[in-house]
Amino acid sequence: MTDRGQAWQNGYAERVIRTIKEAEVELSDYQDYYDAYDQIGRFLDDVVMHKRIHSSLGYLTPAEFESQRLARQDVAELCS
């Protein structure tokens, strides 16, 4: 999950996994593998991408951050 020789990068992946375990997996009762797969996928899309703010993204959700990035890119392309 990290670049070779960059062990500090693994912390980001570990934090995401911890969030999934604490906020979704430990609070859910899945019927089977496929149910778990679907519910975890929904959690990632609905909660992690659209509801949880991140300090490293200027207290925006990942979806908001990406939307703003694309808008800035569009403006930059119009101005060139």
N, C-alpha and C. Protein backbone atom coordinates (compact mmCIF):
# COMPACT_ATOMS: atom_id res chain seq x y z
N MET A 1 0.81 -1.19 0.00
CA MET A 1 0.00 0.00 0.00
C MET A 1 0.86 1.26 0.00
N THR A 2 2.15 1.11 0.14
CA THR A 2 3.01 2.29 0.20
C THR A 2 4.09 2.19 -0.87
N ASP A 3 4.72 3.34 -1.11
CA ASP A 3 5.88 3.33 -1.98
C ASP A 3 7.02 2.64 -1.23
N ARG A 4 7.91 2.04 -1.96
CA ARG A 4 9.04 1.35 -1.34
C ARG A 4 9.86 2.34 -0.51
N GLY A 5 10.12 1.96 0.73
CA GLY A 5 10.91 2.80 1.62
C GLY A 5 10.14 3.95 2.26
N GLN A 6 8.83 3.98 2.10
CA GLN A 6 8.01 5.07 2.65
C GLN A 6 6.98 4.50 3.63
N ALA A 7 7.48 3.88 4.69
CA ALA A 7 6.59 3.20 5.65
C ALA A 7 5.58 4.14 6.29
N TRP A 8 5.88 5.42 6.40
CA TRP A 8 4.96 6.37 7.01
C TRP A 8 3.64 6.45 6.25
N GLN A 9 3.63 6.12 4.96
CA GLN A 9 2.42 6.19 4.15
C GLN A 9 1.39 5.16 4.59
N ASN A 10 1.81 4.08 5.20
CA ASN A 10 0.89 3.03 5.61
C ASN A 10 -0.11 3.52 6.65
N GLY A 11 0.22 4.54 7.39
CA GLY A 11 -0.68 5.09 8.41
C GLY A 11 -2.00 5.55 7.83
N TYR A 12 -2.00 6.09 6.62
CA TYR A 12 -3.24 6.53 5.99
C TYR A 12 -4.18 5.35 5.74
N ALA A 13 -3.63 4.29 5.21
CA ALA A 13 -4.44 3.10 4.94
C ALA A 13 -4.95 2.49 6.24
N GLU A 14 -4.10 2.43 7.25
CA GLU A 14 -4.51 1.88 8.54
C GLU A 14 -5.64 2.70 9.15
N ARG A 15 -5.62 4.00 9.00
CA ARG A 15 -6.67 4.86 9.56
C ARG A 15 -8.00 4.62 8.87
N VAL A 16 -7.98 4.46 7.55
CA VAL A 16 -9.22 4.18 6.82
C VAL A 16 -9.79 2.83 7.25
N ILE A 17 -8.94 1.84 7.38
CA ILE A 17 -9.40 0.51 7.80
C ILE A 17 -9.99 0.58 9.21
N ARG A 18 -9.35 1.33 10.10
CA ARG A 18 -9.88 1.48 11.46
C ARG A 18 -11.26 2.14 11.45
N THR A 19 -11.43 3.17 10.65
CA THR A 19 -12.72 3.86 10.54
C THR A 19 -13.80 2.89 10.05
N ILE A 20 -13.49 2.11 9.04
CA ILE A 20 -14.46 1.14 8.50
C ILE A 20 -14.84 0.14 9.59
N LYS A 21 -13.85 -0.38 10.30
CA LYS A 21 -14.13 -1.38 11.35
C LYS A 21 -14.97 -0.80 12.47
N GLU A 22 -14.59 0.39 12.96
CA GLU A 22 -15.28 0.97 14.11
C GLU A 22 -16.67 1.52 13.77
N ALA A 23 -16.81 2.14 12.62
CA ALA A 23 -18.06 2.82 12.30
C ALA A 23 -19.03 1.99 11.48
N GLU A 24 -18.57 0.89 10.89
CA GLU A 24 -19.47 0.07 10.07
C GLU A 24 -19.48 -1.38 10.52
N VAL A 25 -18.36 -2.04 10.45
CA VAL A 25 -18.30 -3.49 10.65
C VAL A 25 -18.73 -3.89 12.06
N GLU A 26 -18.20 -3.21 13.07
CA GLU A 26 -18.53 -3.59 14.44
C GLU A 26 -19.97 -3.26 14.83
N LEU A 27 -20.63 -2.41 14.07
CA LEU A 27 -22.01 -2.02 14.38
C LEU A 27 -23.04 -2.72 13.50
N SER A 28 -22.59 -3.62 12.64
CA SER A 28 -23.49 -4.27 11.69
C SER A 28 -23.53 -5.78 11.88
N ASP A 29 -24.61 -6.37 11.43
CA ASP A 29 -24.77 -7.82 11.46
C ASP A 29 -25.05 -8.26 10.02
N TYR A 30 -24.04 -8.75 9.35
CA TYR A 30 -24.16 -9.12 7.94
C TYR A 30 -24.72 -10.53 7.79
N GLN A 31 -25.52 -10.72 6.75
CA GLN A 31 -26.09 -12.03 6.46
C GLN A 31 -25.04 -12.98 5.88
N ASP A 32 -24.21 -12.44 4.99
CA ASP A 32 -23.17 -13.24 4.34
C ASP A 32 -22.12 -12.29 3.75
N TYR A 33 -21.17 -12.84 3.04
CA TYR A 33 -20.10 -12.06 2.43
C TYR A 33 -20.66 -10.98 1.52
N TYR A 34 -21.63 -11.33 0.69
CA TYR A 34 -22.17 -10.40 -0.29
C TYR A 34 -22.90 -9.24 0.38
N ASP A 35 -23.59 -9.52 1.46
CA ASP A 35 -24.26 -8.47 2.23
C ASP A 35 -23.22 -7.53 2.84
N ALA A 36 -22.16 -8.09 3.40
CA ALA A 36 -21.09 -7.27 3.97
C ALA A 36 -20.45 -6.41 2.89
N TYR A 37 -20.18 -6.99 1.75
CA TYR A 37 -19.56 -6.27 0.63
C TYR A 37 -20.42 -5.09 0.21
N ASP A 38 -21.72 -5.32 0.07
CA ASP A 38 -22.65 -4.25 -0.33
C ASP A 38 -22.74 -3.15 0.72
N GLN A 39 -22.90 -3.54 1.98
CA GLN A 39 -23.07 -2.54 3.04
C GLN A 39 -21.79 -1.73 3.28
N ILE A 40 -20.65 -2.37 3.21
CA ILE A 40 -19.39 -1.65 3.38
C ILE A 40 -19.18 -0.70 2.21
N GLY A 41 -19.53 -1.14 1.02
CA GLY A 41 -19.44 -0.27 -0.16
C GLY A 41 -20.33 0.96 -0.01
N ARG A 42 -21.54 0.75 0.47
CA ARG A 42 -22.45 1.88 0.70
C ARG A 42 -21.89 2.82 1.77
N PHE A 43 -21.34 2.24 2.83
CA PHE A 43 -20.74 3.05 3.89
C PHE A 43 -19.62 3.94 3.33
N LEU A 44 -18.76 3.34 2.53
CA LEU A 44 -17.66 4.11 1.95
C LEU A 44 -18.17 5.25 1.07
N ASP A 45 -19.16 4.96 0.24
CA ASP A 45 -19.68 5.99 -0.65
C ASP A 45 -20.50 7.03 0.10
N ASP A 46 -21.42 6.59 0.93
CA ASP A 46 -22.33 7.53 1.60
C ASP A 46 -21.66 8.30 2.73
N VAL A 47 -20.93 7.62 3.58
CA VAL A 47 -20.39 8.25 4.78
C VAL A 47 -18.99 8.80 4.54
N VAL A 48 -18.06 7.95 4.15
CA VAL A 48 -16.67 8.38 4.02
C VAL A 48 -16.50 9.44 2.93
N MET A 49 -17.15 9.25 1.80
CA MET A 49 -16.97 10.19 0.69
C MET A 49 -17.85 11.43 0.78
N HIS A 50 -19.04 11.32 1.38
CA HIS A 50 -19.99 12.43 1.33
C HIS A 50 -20.36 13.06 2.66
N LYS A 51 -19.99 12.46 3.79
CA LYS A 51 -20.38 13.02 5.08
C LYS A 51 -19.23 13.33 6.01
N ARG A 52 -18.17 12.53 5.98
CA ARG A 52 -17.05 12.72 6.91
C ARG A 52 -16.10 13.79 6.38
N ILE A 53 -15.92 14.85 7.17
CA ILE A 53 -14.97 15.88 6.78
C ILE A 53 -13.57 15.45 7.17
N HIS A 54 -12.58 15.99 6.49
CA HIS A 54 -11.19 15.63 6.72
C HIS A 54 -10.37 16.90 6.89
N SER A 55 -9.63 16.96 7.97
CA SER A 55 -8.81 18.15 8.23
C SER A 55 -7.77 18.36 7.13
N SER A 56 -7.24 17.27 6.59
CA SER A 56 -6.23 17.40 5.54
C SER A 56 -6.81 17.92 4.23
N LEU A 57 -8.13 17.93 4.12
CA LEU A 57 -8.80 18.46 2.92
C LEU A 57 -9.46 19.81 3.22
N GLY A 58 -8.98 20.49 4.23
CA GLY A 58 -9.55 21.79 4.58
C GLY A 58 -10.94 21.67 5.17
N TYR A 59 -11.19 20.59 5.89
CA TYR A 59 -12.49 20.31 6.54
C TYR A 59 -13.63 20.20 5.52
N LEU A 60 -13.31 19.59 4.40
CA LEU A 60 -14.30 19.25 3.38
C LEU A 60 -14.41 17.73 3.33
N THR A 61 -15.51 17.25 2.75
CA THR A 61 -15.60 15.82 2.46
C THR A 61 -14.77 15.55 1.21
N PRO A 62 -14.37 14.31 0.97
CA PRO A 62 -13.63 14.01 -0.26
C PRO A 62 -14.43 14.41 -1.52
N ALA A 63 -15.73 14.22 -1.50
CA ALA A 63 -16.55 14.59 -2.66
C ALA A 63 -16.53 16.10 -2.88
N GLU A 64 -16.64 16.88 -1.81
CA GLU A 64 -16.60 18.35 -1.93
C GLU A 64 -15.22 18.80 -2.43
N PHE A 65 -14.17 18.20 -1.88
CA PHE A 65 -12.82 18.55 -2.28
C PHE A 65 -12.61 18.28 -3.77
N GLU A 66 -13.04 17.13 -4.23
CA GLU A 66 -12.90 16.77 -5.65
C GLU A 66 -13.71 17.69 -6.53
N SER A 67 -14.91 18.03 -6.11
CA SER A 67 -15.76 18.95 -6.87
C SER A 67 -15.09 20.30 -7.03
N GLN A 68 -14.53 20.82 -5.94
CA GLN A 68 -13.84 22.10 -6.00
C GLN A 68 -12.59 22.02 -6.88
N ARG A 69 -11.87 20.92 -6.80
CA ARG A 69 -10.67 20.73 -7.62
C ARG A 69 -11.03 20.75 -9.10
N LEU A 70 -12.09 20.04 -9.45
CA LEU A 70 -12.53 20.00 -10.85
C LEU A 70 -13.00 21.37 -11.33
N ALA A 71 -13.69 22.12 -10.46
CA ALA A 71 -14.15 23.46 -10.82
C ALA A 71 -12.95 24.38 -11.07
N ARG A 72 -11.92 24.30 -10.22
CA ARG A 72 -10.72 25.12 -10.43
C ARG A 72 -10.02 24.73 -11.72
N GLN A 73 -10.00 23.45 -12.01
CA GLN A 73 -9.37 22.96 -13.24
C GLN A 73 -10.12 23.49 -14.46
N ASP A 74 -11.44 23.47 -14.41
CA ASP A 74 -12.26 23.98 -15.51
C ASP A 74 -11.99 25.47 -15.74
N VAL A 75 -11.91 26.24 -14.66
CA VAL A 75 -11.64 27.68 -14.77
C VAL A 75 -10.26 27.89 -15.37
N ALA A 76 -9.29 27.13 -14.93
CA ALA A 76 -7.92 27.27 -15.45
C ALA A 76 -7.87 26.96 -16.94
N GLU A 77 -8.63 25.96 -17.37
CA GLU A 77 -8.66 25.62 -18.79
C GLU A 77 -9.33 26.70 -19.61
N LEU A 78 -10.37 27.34 -19.07
CA LEU A 78 -11.06 28.42 -19.77
C LEU A 78 -10.15 29.64 -19.93
N CYS A 79 -9.32 29.86 -18.94
CA CYS A 79 -8.43 31.04 -18.95
C CYS A 79 -7.20 30.83 -19.82
N SER A 80 -6.90 29.59 -20.21
CA SER A 80 -5.69 29.36 -21.02
C SER A 80 -5.94 29.47 -22.48
